[in-house]
C-alpha atoms as a PDB file:
ATOM      1  CA  GLN A   1       2.681  -5.024  -6.752  1.00  0.00           C
ATOM      2  CA  LEU A   2      -0.660  -6.607  -5.924  1.00  0.00           C
ATOM      3  CA  GLN A   3      -0.473 -10.159  -4.613  1.00  0.00           C
ATOM      4  CA  LEU A   4      -3.422 -12.398  -3.757  1.00  0.00           C
ATOM      5  CA  VAL A   5      -3.527 -15.368  -1.383  1.00  0.00           C
ATOM      6  CA  GLU A   6      -6.488 -17.730  -1.117  1.00  0.00           C
ATOM      7  CA  SER A   7      -7.383 -19.704   2.000  1.00  0.00           C
ATOM      8  CA  GLY A   8     -10.289 -21.550   3.554  1.00  0.00           C
ATOM      9  CA  GLY A   9     -10.413 -24.637   1.392  1.00  0.00           C
ATOM     10  CA  GLY A  10     -10.625 -28.142   2.773  1.00  0.00           C
ATOM     11  CA  LEU A  11     -12.516 -31.415   2.836  1.00  0.00           C
ATOM     12  CA  VAL A  12     -16.250 -31.153   3.392  1.00  0.00           C
ATOM     13  CA  GLN A  13     -19.174 -33.546   3.117  1.00  0.00           C
ATOM     14  CA  PRO A  14     -21.877 -33.061   0.484  1.00  0.00           C
ATOM     15  CA  GLY A  15     -24.303 -30.426   1.664  1.00  0.00           C
ATOM     16  CA  GLY A  16     -21.612 -28.715   3.679  1.00  0.00           C
ATOM     17  CA  ALA A  17     -20.208 -25.210   3.450  1.00  0.00           C
ATOM     18  CA  LEU A  18     -16.893 -23.406   3.347  1.00  0.00           C
ATOM     19  CA  ARG A  19     -15.918 -19.752   3.321  1.00  0.00           C
ATOM     20  CA  LEU A  20     -13.018 -18.998   1.043  1.00  0.00           C
ATOM     21  CA  SER A  21     -10.932 -15.874   1.522  1.00  0.00           C
ATOM     22  CA  CYS A  22      -8.802 -13.934  -0.934  1.00  0.00           C
ATOM     23  CA  ALA A  23      -6.405 -11.651   0.910  1.00  0.00           C
ATOM     24  CA  ALA A  24      -4.471  -8.941  -0.886  1.00  0.00           C
ATOM     25  CA  SER A  25      -1.100  -7.423  -0.140  1.00  0.00           C
ATOM     26  CA  GLY A  26       1.137  -4.941  -1.889  1.00  0.00           C
ATOM     27  CA  SER A  27      -1.768  -2.749  -2.957  1.00  0.00           C
ATOM     28  CA  THR A  28      -5.263  -1.820  -1.924  1.00  0.00           C
ATOM     29  CA  LEU A  29      -8.089  -3.864  -3.382  1.00  0.00           C
ATOM     30  CA  ASP A  30     -10.338  -0.803  -3.652  1.00  0.00           C
ATOM     31  CA  TYR A  31      -9.527  -0.318  -7.346  1.00  0.00           C
ATOM     32  CA  TYR A  32     -10.104  -3.876  -8.515  1.00  0.00           C
ATOM     33  CA  ALA A  33     -13.021  -6.023  -9.494  1.00  0.00           C
ATOM     34  CA  ILE A  34     -12.224  -9.509  -8.206  1.00  0.00           C
ATOM     35  CA  GLY A  35     -13.173 -12.847  -9.667  1.00  0.00           C
ATOM     36  CA  TRP A  36     -13.270 -16.347  -8.265  1.00  0.00           C
ATOM     37  CA  PHE A  37     -12.480 -19.194 -10.624  1.00  0.00           C
ATOM     38  CA  ARG A  38     -12.066 -22.925 -10.227  1.00  0.00           C
ATOM     39  CA  GLN A  39     -10.412 -25.776 -12.059  1.00  0.00           C
ATOM     40  CA  SER A  40     -10.609 -29.514 -11.534  1.00  0.00           C
ATOM     41  CA  PRO A  41      -8.395 -32.144 -13.191  1.00  0.00           C
ATOM     42  CA  GLY A  42      -9.224 -32.655 -16.839  1.00  0.00           C
ATOM     43  CA  LYS A  43     -11.580 -29.702 -16.980  1.00  0.00           C
ATOM     44  CA  GLU A  44     -11.194 -26.168 -18.223  1.00  0.00           C
ATOM     45  CA  ARG A  45     -11.028 -23.285 -15.798  1.00  0.00           C
ATOM     46  CA  GLU A  46     -14.505 -22.043 -14.883  1.00  0.00           C
ATOM     47  CA  GLY A  47     -15.511 -18.579 -13.779  1.00  0.00           C
ATOM     48  CA  VAL A  48     -17.485 -18.888 -10.537  1.00  0.00           C
ATOM     49  CA  SER A  49     -18.268 -15.368  -9.405  1.00  0.00           C
ATOM     50  CA  CYS A  50     -17.189 -11.764  -9.758  1.00  0.00           C
ATOM     51  CA  ILE A  51     -17.620  -8.651  -7.632  1.00  0.00           C
ATOM     52  CA  SER A  52     -17.104  -5.017  -8.570  1.00  0.00           C
ATOM     53  CA  SER A  53     -14.520  -2.863  -6.819  1.00  0.00           C
ATOM     54  CA  SER A  54     -17.162  -1.261  -4.585  1.00  0.00           C
ATOM     55  CA  GLY A  55     -19.003  -4.511  -3.926  1.00  0.00           C
ATOM     56  CA  GLY A  56     -22.189  -3.067  -5.359  1.00  0.00           C
ATOM     57  CA  SER A  57     -22.358  -5.431  -8.320  1.00  0.00           C
ATOM     58  CA  THR A  58     -21.957  -9.200  -8.358  1.00  0.00           C
ATOM     59  CA  ASP A  59     -22.361 -11.976 -10.882  1.00  0.00           C
ATOM     60  CA  TYR A  60     -22.397 -15.767 -10.667  1.00  0.00           C
ATOM     61  CA  ALA A  61     -22.070 -18.781 -12.880  1.00  0.00           C
ATOM     62  CA  ASP A  62     -25.378 -20.600 -13.308  1.00  0.00           C
ATOM     63  CA  SER A  63     -23.844 -23.663 -11.675  1.00  0.00           C
ATOM     64  CA  VAL A  64     -23.408 -21.869  -8.334  1.00  0.00           C
ATOM     65  CA  LYS A  65     -26.202 -19.291  -8.388  1.00  0.00           C
ATOM     66  CA  GLY A  66     -28.241 -19.479  -5.205  1.00  0.00           C
ATOM     67  CA  ARG A  67     -25.572 -21.490  -3.389  1.00  0.00           C
ATOM     68  CA  PHE A  68     -22.479 -19.259  -3.429  1.00  0.00           C
ATOM     69  CA  THR A  69     -22.200 -15.672  -2.257  1.00  0.00           C
ATOM     70  CA  ILE A  70     -19.329 -13.332  -3.044  1.00  0.00           C
ATOM     71  CA  SER A  71     -18.569 -10.370  -0.805  1.00  0.00           C
ATOM     72  CA  ARG A  72     -15.711  -8.062   0.042  1.00  0.00           C
ATOM     73  CA  ASP A  73     -14.390  -6.014   2.927  1.00  0.00           C
ATOM     74  CA  ASN A  74     -12.112  -3.380   1.471  1.00  0.00           C
ATOM     75  CA  THR A  75     -11.091  -2.269   4.965  1.00  0.00           C
ATOM     76  CA  LYS A  76      -9.573  -5.730   5.407  1.00  0.00           C
ATOM     77  CA  ASN A  77      -8.332  -5.927   1.811  1.00  0.00           C
ATOM     78  CA  THR A  78     -10.158  -9.242   1.478  1.00  0.00           C
ATOM     79  CA  VAL A  79     -12.757 -10.823  -0.789  1.00  0.00           C
ATOM     80  CA  TYR A  80     -14.816 -13.796   0.357  1.00  0.00           C
ATOM     81  CA  LEU A  81     -16.679 -16.611  -1.329  1.00  0.00           C
ATOM     82  CA  GLN A  82     -19.265 -18.304   0.859  1.00  0.00           C
ATOM     83  CA  THR A  83     -19.979 -21.735  -0.605  1.00  0.00           C
ATOM     84  CA  ASN A  84     -23.099 -23.555   0.620  1.00  0.00           C
ATOM     85  CA  SER A  85     -24.872 -26.795  -0.323  1.00  0.00           C
ATOM     86  CA  LEU A  86     -21.662 -28.148  -1.769  1.00  0.00           C
ATOM     87  CA  THR A  87     -21.736 -31.153  -4.083  1.00  0.00           C
ATOM     88  CA  PRO A  88     -18.933 -33.376  -5.381  1.00  0.00           C
ATOM     89  CA  GLU A  89     -19.125 -31.419  -8.645  1.00  0.00           C
ATOM     90  CA  ASP A  90     -17.813 -28.389  -6.742  1.00  0.00           C
ATOM     91  CA  THR A  91     -14.533 -30.170  -6.051  1.00  0.00           C
ATOM     92  CA  ALA A  92     -11.743 -28.089  -7.587  1.00  0.00           C
ATOM     93  CA  VAL A  93      -8.877 -25.738  -6.885  1.00  0.00           C
ATOM     94  CA  TYR A  94     -10.384 -22.316  -6.348  1.00  0.00           C
ATOM     95  CA  TYR A  95      -8.465 -19.219  -7.452  1.00  0.00           C
ATOM     96  CA  CYS A  96      -9.069 -15.529  -7.023  1.00  0.00           C
ATOM     97  CA  ALA A  97      -7.801 -12.940  -9.452  1.00  0.00           C
ATOM     98  CA  ALA A  98      -7.918  -9.188  -9.918  1.00  0.00           C
ATOM     99  CA  ALA A  99      -9.433  -7.716 -13.055  1.00  0.00           C
ATOM    100  CA  ASN A 100      -7.343  -5.299 -15.070  1.00  0.00           C
ATOM    101  CA  ARG A 101      -7.291  -2.063 -13.074  1.00  0.00           C
ATOM    102  CA  PHE A 102      -9.179  -0.325 -15.897  1.00  0.00           C
ATOM    103  CA  PHE A 103     -12.282  -2.289 -14.870  1.00  0.00           C
ATOM    104  CA  ARG A 104     -14.052  -1.236 -11.693  1.00  0.00           C
ATOM    105  CA  LEU A 105     -17.047  -3.360 -12.696  1.00  0.00           C
ATOM    106  CA  CYS A 106     -16.760  -6.999 -13.687  1.00  0.00           C
ATOM    107  CA  PRO A 107     -15.773  -6.932 -17.347  1.00  0.00           C
ATOM    108  CA  SER A 108     -17.997  -8.395 -20.004  1.00  0.00           C
ATOM    109  CA  GLY A 109     -17.147 -12.056 -20.381  1.00  0.00           C
ATOM    110  CA  TRP A 110     -15.417 -12.052 -16.991  1.00  0.00           C
ATOM    111  CA  TRP A 111     -15.918 -15.827 -16.693  1.00  0.00           C
ATOM    112  CA  SER A 112     -13.178 -16.463 -19.234  1.00  0.00           C
ATOM    113  CA  GLY A 113     -10.585 -14.980 -16.899  1.00  0.00           C
ATOM    114  CA  SER A 114      -8.724 -13.452 -19.826  1.00  0.00           C
ATOM    115  CA  LEU A 115      -8.830  -9.913 -18.390  1.00  0.00           C
ATOM    116  CA  PHE A 116      -7.630 -10.953 -14.943  1.00  0.00           C
ATOM    117  CA  GLY A 117      -4.214 -11.001 -13.292  1.00  0.00           C
ATOM    118  CA  PRO A 118      -2.464 -11.399 -10.963  1.00  0.00           C
ATOM    119  CA  TRP A 119      -3.760 -14.730  -9.734  1.00  0.00           C
ATOM    120  CA  GLY A 120      -3.439 -16.373  -6.346  1.00  0.00           C
ATOM    121  CA  GLN A 121      -1.957 -19.820  -5.842  1.00  0.00           C
ATOM    122  CA  GLY A 122      -5.329 -21.463  -5.242  1.00  0.00           C
ATOM    123  CA  THR A 123      -7.020 -23.344  -2.424  1.00  0.00           C
ATOM    124  CA  GLN A 124      -8.281 -26.917  -2.760  1.00  0.00           C
ATOM    125  CA  VAL A 125     -11.947 -27.660  -2.084  1.00  0.00           C
ATOM    126  CA  THR A 126     -12.866 -31.331  -1.899  1.00  0.00           C
ATOM    127  CA  VAL A 127     -16.472 -32.404  -1.435  1.00  0.00           C
ATOM    128  CA  SER A 128     -16.727 -36.048  -0.533  1.00  0.00           C
ATOM    129  CA  SER A 129     -18.456 -38.351   1.924  1.00  0.00           C
END
């Protein structure tokens, strides 16, 4: 049974950077497209980025394009989200999730998260001076 655990969150000043990690256990990540999502209090969950099972295809929300970079190391069973030029609007709990195993590429409409599961427990990112 695939399980995902996020780490790397924390408190950072505006303009700072964090690298989030999504580590898998119970199964190899090779078969799964992986998405990063975030949710802040009072807001709906937002799809941030998605990467195909091979790592050859990536996609980003407009709000993070050019600032965030998703990558994966299947030998380490881990997916990363490098977050740069952070702003207070990036403050949220960040979650990673595996797409349905049928999808090796990020599914159409991946940002909704509806075709993803299981989910990790999340890691808090707070951007504040």
